[in-house]
């Protein structure tokens, strides 16, 4: 076994058959790890998702969004039965060691190059432990070691007025500002709410922003988000909700579905949040708590999030 940092790999291997991943992030929630990887190709990552899901028993779910692919995996070890074309690559082991996450990838031929070299050169990677070089028809195998992070989802609602503004753009701009400040902004999901709400501005949507953060920086992230919104919101009803972790409680998902189909009161939202220990923050007012909390319940289901129930 050899150990390389991303820069070590770039210095030693500059072959034309290596295409570095852009970034790798790992977020921990109990015995689950969410792996977010930014592939060098836009749709090439779809092949990776298909192969990995078929090959790796540790993978609970996966999806692709552009060149970003996401795996929800269980901690543990399961040997891979690799077979060219059919089960060409996958995750063999996931280990959490204090402040690090180690994911062992293996693959045949080009998939092995991706497992070792391409991932190893990505931003966010601390080092790789290289077991087999791969390439050609050979096996490639490496442990990719990344910092242990946590997932924080911020629901945002009521930032505009009937005269001006847009919640989805203000939320995104907040995410981009937080990215500049060093936080990993990884997703933006628009959630359609009850279209017949008499309090709506127009389209009646809220937004869920997902971040990967160091465990000790969650409070700082929320404080900065509130400050940015307070300085920019056009509404006196703006509020946010904060979900920590990967999993969505069933009660929260049920609440989000109800908020898409019927009227919800602020008191109902507060009661649900309190029972689930989800923090609600009034930025300029309380009305936004309803949609902000609902956004958290569907942040991982974009198809359901955008459905309209008349």
Protein backbone atom coordinates (compact mmCIF):
# COMPACT_ATOMS: atom_id res chain seq x y z
CA UNK A 1 0.00 0.00 0.00
CA UNK A 2 1.14 3.54 -0.83
CA UNK A 3 -0.24 6.76 0.62
CA UNK A 4 -0.70 9.90 -1.51
CA UNK A 5 -2.18 13.34 -0.98
CA UNK A 6 -4.09 14.81 -3.94
CA UNK A 7 -1.06 16.97 -4.78
CA UNK A 8 1.26 13.95 -4.57
CA UNK A 9 -0.91 12.18 -7.13
CA UNK A 10 -0.98 15.19 -9.44
CA UNK A 11 2.79 15.54 -9.24
CA UNK A 12 3.50 11.86 -9.87
CA UNK A 13 0.74 10.96 -12.31
CA UNK A 14 -0.18 13.38 -15.10
CA UNK A 15 -1.21 10.74 -17.61
CA UNK A 16 -3.80 11.67 -20.24
CA UNK A 17 -6.03 8.81 -19.12
CA UNK A 18 -6.61 10.34 -15.68
CA UNK A 19 -9.47 12.87 -15.26
CA UNK A 20 -9.59 14.21 -11.67
CA UNK A 21 -12.88 14.44 -9.83
CA UNK A 22 -13.70 18.02 -8.87
CA UNK A 23 -14.68 17.45 -5.24
CA UNK A 24 -15.57 14.73 -2.72
CA UNK A 25 -17.54 15.34 0.51
CA UNK A 26 -18.66 12.87 3.20
CA UNK A 27 -21.35 13.60 5.80
CA UNK A 28 -22.03 11.33 8.77
CA UNK A 29 -25.34 10.66 10.53
CA UNK A 30 -25.10 7.71 12.94
CA UNK A 31 -24.18 4.63 10.92
CA UNK A 32 -25.05 6.32 7.63
CA UNK A 33 -22.67 8.30 5.43
CA UNK A 34 -23.71 10.52 2.54
CA UNK A 35 -21.01 10.66 -0.13
CA UNK A 36 -21.24 13.58 -2.55
CA UNK A 37 -18.89 13.42 -5.53
CA UNK A 38 -18.47 15.82 -8.43
CA UNK A 39 -17.47 13.77 -11.47
CA UNK A 40 -15.22 15.23 -14.20
CA UNK A 41 -17.88 14.49 -16.85
CA UNK A 42 -21.49 15.67 -16.90
CA UNK A 43 -23.28 12.44 -17.74
CA UNK A 44 -20.41 10.01 -17.31
CA UNK A 45 -21.35 9.93 -13.67
CA UNK A 46 -24.62 8.16 -14.54
CA UNK A 47 -22.64 5.04 -15.43
CA UNK A 48 -20.89 5.24 -12.07
CA UNK A 49 -24.18 5.50 -10.17
CA UNK A 50 -25.68 2.56 -12.07
CA UNK A 51 -22.65 0.31 -11.55
CA UNK A 52 -22.16 1.22 -7.89
CA UNK A 53 -25.80 0.72 -6.95
CA UNK A 54 -25.84 -2.70 -8.61
CA UNK A 55 -22.51 -3.84 -7.17
CA UNK A 56 -22.38 -2.47 -3.61
CA UNK A 57 -24.59 -3.88 -0.88
CA UNK A 58 -23.55 -1.03 1.42
CA UNK A 59 -25.30 1.53 -0.78
CA UNK A 60 -28.82 2.26 0.46
CA UNK A 61 -29.73 4.75 -2.27
CA UNK A 62 -28.09 6.85 -4.97
CA UNK A 63 -28.84 9.45 -7.62
CA UNK A 64 -27.19 11.74 -10.17
CA UNK A 65 -27.76 15.45 -10.66
CA UNK A 66 -25.63 16.76 -13.53
CA UNK A 67 -22.04 15.78 -12.74
CA UNK A 68 -22.84 15.36 -9.03
CA UNK A 69 -23.59 11.89 -7.78
CA UNK A 70 -24.72 11.02 -4.29
CA UNK A 71 -24.56 7.74 -2.37
CA UNK A 72 -26.18 7.03 0.99
CA UNK A 73 -24.15 4.16 2.44
CA UNK A 74 -24.04 2.15 5.63
CA UNK A 75 -20.85 1.86 7.66
CA UNK A 76 -19.36 -1.62 7.30
CA UNK A 77 -17.62 -3.97 4.90
CA UNK A 78 -19.00 -6.18 2.15
CA UNK A 79 -16.71 -7.93 -0.38
CA UNK A 80 -17.42 -7.06 -4.01
CA UNK A 81 -17.98 -9.61 -6.74
CA UNK A 82 -16.63 -7.58 -9.63
CA UNK A 83 -17.46 -8.60 -13.17
CA UNK A 84 -16.57 -6.62 -16.29
CA UNK A 85 -19.46 -4.57 -17.73
CA UNK A 86 -21.99 -5.95 -15.25
CA UNK A 87 -20.54 -5.20 -11.81
CA UNK A 88 -17.48 -3.20 -12.78
CA UNK A 89 -17.01 -1.03 -9.69
CA UNK A 90 -18.30 -0.33 -6.22
CA UNK A 91 -17.73 0.48 -2.57
CA UNK A 92 -16.25 -2.33 -0.51
CA UNK A 93 -15.94 -0.69 2.91
CA UNK A 94 -16.91 2.45 4.82
CA UNK A 95 -15.14 3.31 8.08
CA UNK A 96 -15.49 6.30 10.43
CA UNK A 97 -12.34 7.11 12.41
CA UNK A 98 -12.77 10.10 14.74
CA UNK A 99 -12.71 13.10 12.38
CA UNK A 100 -12.17 11.13 9.16
CA UNK A 101 -14.21 8.94 6.83
CA UNK A 102 -12.49 6.20 4.85
CA UNK A 103 -14.28 4.77 1.79
CA UNK A 104 -12.67 1.88 -0.07
CA UNK A 105 -13.49 1.86 -3.79
CA UNK A 106 -12.57 -0.89 -6.25
CA UNK A 107 -13.12 -1.22 -9.97
CA UNK A 108 -12.02 -2.95 -13.13
CA UNK A 109 -10.16 -1.18 -15.94
CA UNK A 110 -11.30 2.45 -16.30
CA UNK A 111 -13.53 2.10 -13.25
CA UNK A 112 -10.42 1.24 -11.26
CA UNK A 113 -8.70 4.37 -12.50
CA UNK A 114 -11.69 6.34 -11.24
CA UNK A 115 -11.62 4.51 -7.91
CA UNK A 116 -7.99 5.39 -7.23
CA UNK A 117 -6.50 8.25 -9.25
CA UNK A 118 -9.51 10.32 -10.31
CA UNK A 119 -11.09 10.45 -6.87
CA UNK A 120 -7.73 10.81 -5.19
CA UNK A 121 -6.99 14.11 -6.95
CA UNK A 122 -10.27 15.75 -5.92
CA UNK A 123 -10.71 18.77 -3.67
CA UNK A 124 -11.89 17.67 -0.24
CA UNK A 125 -9.73 14.53 -0.20
CA UNK A 126 -7.09 14.37 2.55
CA UNK A 127 -5.25 11.36 1.14
CA UNK A 128 -5.70 8.01 -0.51
CA UNK A 129 -4.32 4.64 0.44
CA UNK A 130 -3.51 3.01 -2.90
CA UNK A 131 -3.78 -0.78 -2.92
CA UNK A 132 -3.90 -1.51 -6.66
CA UNK A 133 -3.03 0.93 -9.45
CA UNK A 134 -5.54 -0.27 -12.05
CA UNK A 135 -5.82 0.76 -15.70
CA UNK A 136 -6.02 -1.39 -18.81
CA UNK A 137 -7.71 -4.63 -17.75
CA UNK A 138 -6.39 -4.54 -14.18
CA UNK A 139 -8.12 -4.02 -10.84
CA UNK A 140 -7.83 -0.58 -9.25
CA UNK A 141 -8.46 -0.22 -5.54
CA UNK A 142 -7.97 2.62 -3.07
CA UNK A 143 -9.22 4.02 0.21
CA UNK A 144 -10.33 7.63 -0.18
CA UNK A 145 -9.98 9.50 3.12
CA UNK A 146 -11.97 12.71 3.67
CA UNK A 147 -12.80 14.91 6.68
CA UNK A 148 -15.86 13.88 8.66
CA UNK A 149 -18.62 16.41 8.05
CA UNK A 150 -22.29 16.75 8.93
CA UNK A 151 -25.30 17.70 6.85
CA UNK A 152 -27.31 20.81 7.67
CA UNK A 153 -30.44 21.70 5.69
CA UNK A 154 -31.86 25.22 6.01
CA UNK A 155 -35.47 25.83 5.02
CA UNK A 156 -36.25 29.40 3.93
CA UNK A 157 -39.60 31.10 3.28
CA UNK A 158 -41.28 34.49 2.94
CA UNK A 159 -38.49 36.77 1.74
CA UNK A 160 -40.45 38.65 -0.95
CA UNK A 161 -43.48 40.93 -1.20
CA UNK A 162 -46.28 41.27 -3.78
CA UNK A 163 -44.30 44.15 -5.31
CA UNK A 164 -40.80 42.67 -5.59
CA UNK A 165 -38.41 39.88 -4.77
CA UNK A 166 -38.13 36.09 -5.18
CA UNK A 167 -37.48 33.59 -2.40
CA UNK A 168 -35.73 31.03 -4.58
CA UNK A 169 -33.14 33.55 -5.81
CA UNK A 170 -32.58 35.15 -2.42
CA UNK A 171 -32.05 31.71 -0.87
CA UNK A 172 -29.59 30.74 -3.60
CA UNK A 173 -27.68 34.00 -3.27
CA UNK A 174 -27.46 33.36 0.46
CA UNK A 175 -26.03 29.91 -0.29
CA UNK A 176 -23.46 31.39 -2.65
CA UNK A 177 -22.44 33.97 -0.06
CA UNK A 178 -22.01 31.25 2.54
CA UNK A 179 -19.93 29.28 0.02
CA UNK A 180 -17.62 32.28 -0.32
CA UNK A 181 -17.32 32.30 3.46
CA UNK A 182 -16.05 28.72 3.47
CA UNK A 183 -19.19 26.60 3.87
CA UNK A 184 -19.94 23.79 1.40
CA UNK A 185 -23.24 24.70 -0.31
CA UNK A 186 -24.36 21.52 -2.05
CA UNK A 187 -28.02 21.76 -3.07
CA UNK A 188 -31.05 24.01 -3.61
CA UNK A 189 -34.56 22.51 -3.79
CA UNK A 190 -37.74 24.50 -4.46
CA UNK A 191 -40.79 23.08 -2.65
CA UNK A 192 -44.26 23.89 -4.00
CA UNK A 193 -46.72 24.63 -1.20
CA UNK A 194 -50.53 24.90 -1.06
CA UNK A 195 -51.45 27.00 -4.13
CA UNK A 196 -54.69 28.35 -2.64
CA UNK A 197 -53.03 29.89 0.41
CA UNK A 198 -54.52 33.42 0.77
CA UNK A 199 -51.29 34.65 2.39
CA UNK A 200 -49.08 33.70 -0.58
CA UNK A 201 -47.13 36.27 -2.57
CA UNK A 202 -47.74 34.49 -5.89
CA UNK A 203 -46.37 31.00 -6.63
CA UNK A 204 -46.23 29.89 -2.98
CA UNK A 205 -42.93 28.05 -2.73
CA UNK A 206 -40.28 27.65 -0.07
CA UNK A 207 -36.65 26.56 -0.47
CA UNK A 208 -34.34 24.00 1.16
CA UNK A 209 -30.59 24.66 1.03
CA UNK A 210 -28.21 21.80 1.90
CA UNK A 211 -24.72 22.27 3.33
CA UNK A 212 -21.86 20.02 4.39
CA UNK A 213 -20.25 21.48 7.50
CA UNK A 214 -17.62 20.60 10.06
CA UNK A 215 -19.39 19.41 13.23
CA UNK A 216 -18.30 22.45 15.24
CA UNK A 217 -19.45 24.99 12.63
CA UNK A 218 -23.22 24.37 12.48
CA UNK A 219 -24.13 27.24 14.81
CA UNK A 220 -21.87 29.61 12.90
CA UNK A 221 -23.54 28.61 9.61
CA UNK A 222 -27.02 29.31 11.00
CA UNK A 223 -25.95 32.64 12.52
CA UNK A 224 -24.48 33.81 9.24
CA UNK A 225 -27.55 32.65 7.28
CA UNK A 226 -29.83 34.66 9.57
CA UNK A 227 -27.59 37.71 9.25
CA UNK A 228 -27.56 37.53 5.45
CA UNK A 229 -31.34 37.18 5.25
CA UNK A 230 -31.96 39.93 7.78
CA UNK A 231 -29.83 42.29 5.69
CA UNK A 232 -31.54 41.38 2.41
CA UNK A 233 -35.10 40.18 2.93
CA UNK A 234 -37.92 42.36 1.66
CA UNK A 235 -40.54 40.79 3.93
CA UNK A 236 -41.50 41.16 7.58
CA UNK A 237 -42.49 37.45 7.66
CA UNK A 238 -39.12 35.80 6.92
CA UNK A 239 -38.18 32.67 8.90
CA UNK A 240 -35.88 29.66 8.61
CA UNK A 241 -35.92 26.08 9.88
CA UNK A 242 -32.83 23.95 10.47
CA UNK A 243 -32.52 20.16 10.07
CA UNK A 244 -29.29 18.47 11.17
CA UNK A 245 -28.45 15.11 9.66
CA UNK A 246 -29.22 13.05 6.56
CA UNK A 247 -32.48 11.38 7.53
CA UNK A 248 -35.92 12.99 7.39
CA UNK A 249 -38.28 11.93 10.22
CA UNK A 250 -41.55 10.47 8.93
CA UNK A 251 -43.52 13.05 10.91
CA UNK A 252 -41.67 15.87 9.14
CA UNK A 253 -42.27 14.30 5.72
CA UNK A 254 -45.96 13.95 6.53
CA UNK A 255 -46.11 17.60 7.59
CA UNK A 256 -44.50 18.66 4.29
CA UNK A 257 -47.10 16.72 2.32
CA UNK A 258 -49.90 18.38 4.28
CA UNK A 259 -48.39 21.82 3.65
CA UNK A 260 -48.62 21.11 -0.08
CA UNK A 261 -52.31 20.21 0.10
CA UNK A 262 -53.92 22.36 2.79
CA UNK A 263 -53.58 25.36 5.07
CA UNK A 264 -51.19 25.06 8.03
CA UNK A 265 -50.99 27.48 10.94
CA UNK A 266 -47.84 28.84 12.54
CA UNK A 267 -48.84 27.10 15.76
CA UNK A 268 -49.03 23.74 13.97
CA UNK A 269 -45.57 24.28 12.47
CA UNK A 270 -44.13 25.20 15.86
CA UNK A 271 -45.68 22.12 17.48
CA UNK A 272 -44.22 19.76 14.86
CA UNK A 273 -40.80 21.41 15.07
CA UNK A 274 -40.79 21.20 18.86
CA UNK A 275 -41.71 17.51 18.87
CA UNK A 276 -38.85 16.76 16.45
CA UNK A 277 -36.36 19.14 18.13
CA UNK A 278 -36.01 21.12 14.90
CA UNK A 279 -35.03 24.74 15.41
CA UNK A 280 -37.19 27.51 13.94
CA UNK A 281 -35.86 31.07 13.74
CA UNK A 282 -37.83 34.23 13.15
CA UNK A 283 -35.63 36.41 10.94
CA UNK A 284 -38.22 39.17 10.60
CA UNK A 285 -41.47 37.36 11.44
CA UNK A 286 -43.22 34.08 12.17
CA UNK A 287 -45.34 33.37 9.05
CA UNK A 288 -42.35 31.95 7.17
CA UNK A 289 -41.96 29.14 9.70
CA UNK A 290 -44.71 27.16 7.96
CA UNK A 291 -43.02 26.91 4.57
CA UNK A 292 -39.48 26.81 5.94
CA UNK A 293 -40.29 23.69 7.96
CA UNK A 294 -42.12 22.10 5.02
CA UNK A 295 -39.07 22.58 2.80
CA UNK A 296 -37.02 20.36 5.13
CA UNK A 297 -39.47 17.48 4.74
CA UNK A 298 -38.92 17.13 0.99
CA UNK A 299 -35.35 18.31 0.44
CA UNK A 300 -34.36 14.81 -0.78
CA UNK A 301 -37.34 14.25 -3.13
CA UNK A 302 -37.27 16.82 -5.92
CA UNK A 303 -40.05 15.18 -7.92
CA UNK A 304 -42.51 15.33 -5.03
CA UNK A 305 -41.23 18.75 -3.97
CA UNK A 306 -42.36 20.42 -7.20
CA UNK A 307 -45.75 18.68 -7.54
CA UNK A 308 -48.79 20.93 -7.42
CA UNK A 309 -51.93 19.71 -5.66
CA UNK A 310 -54.90 21.78 -6.83
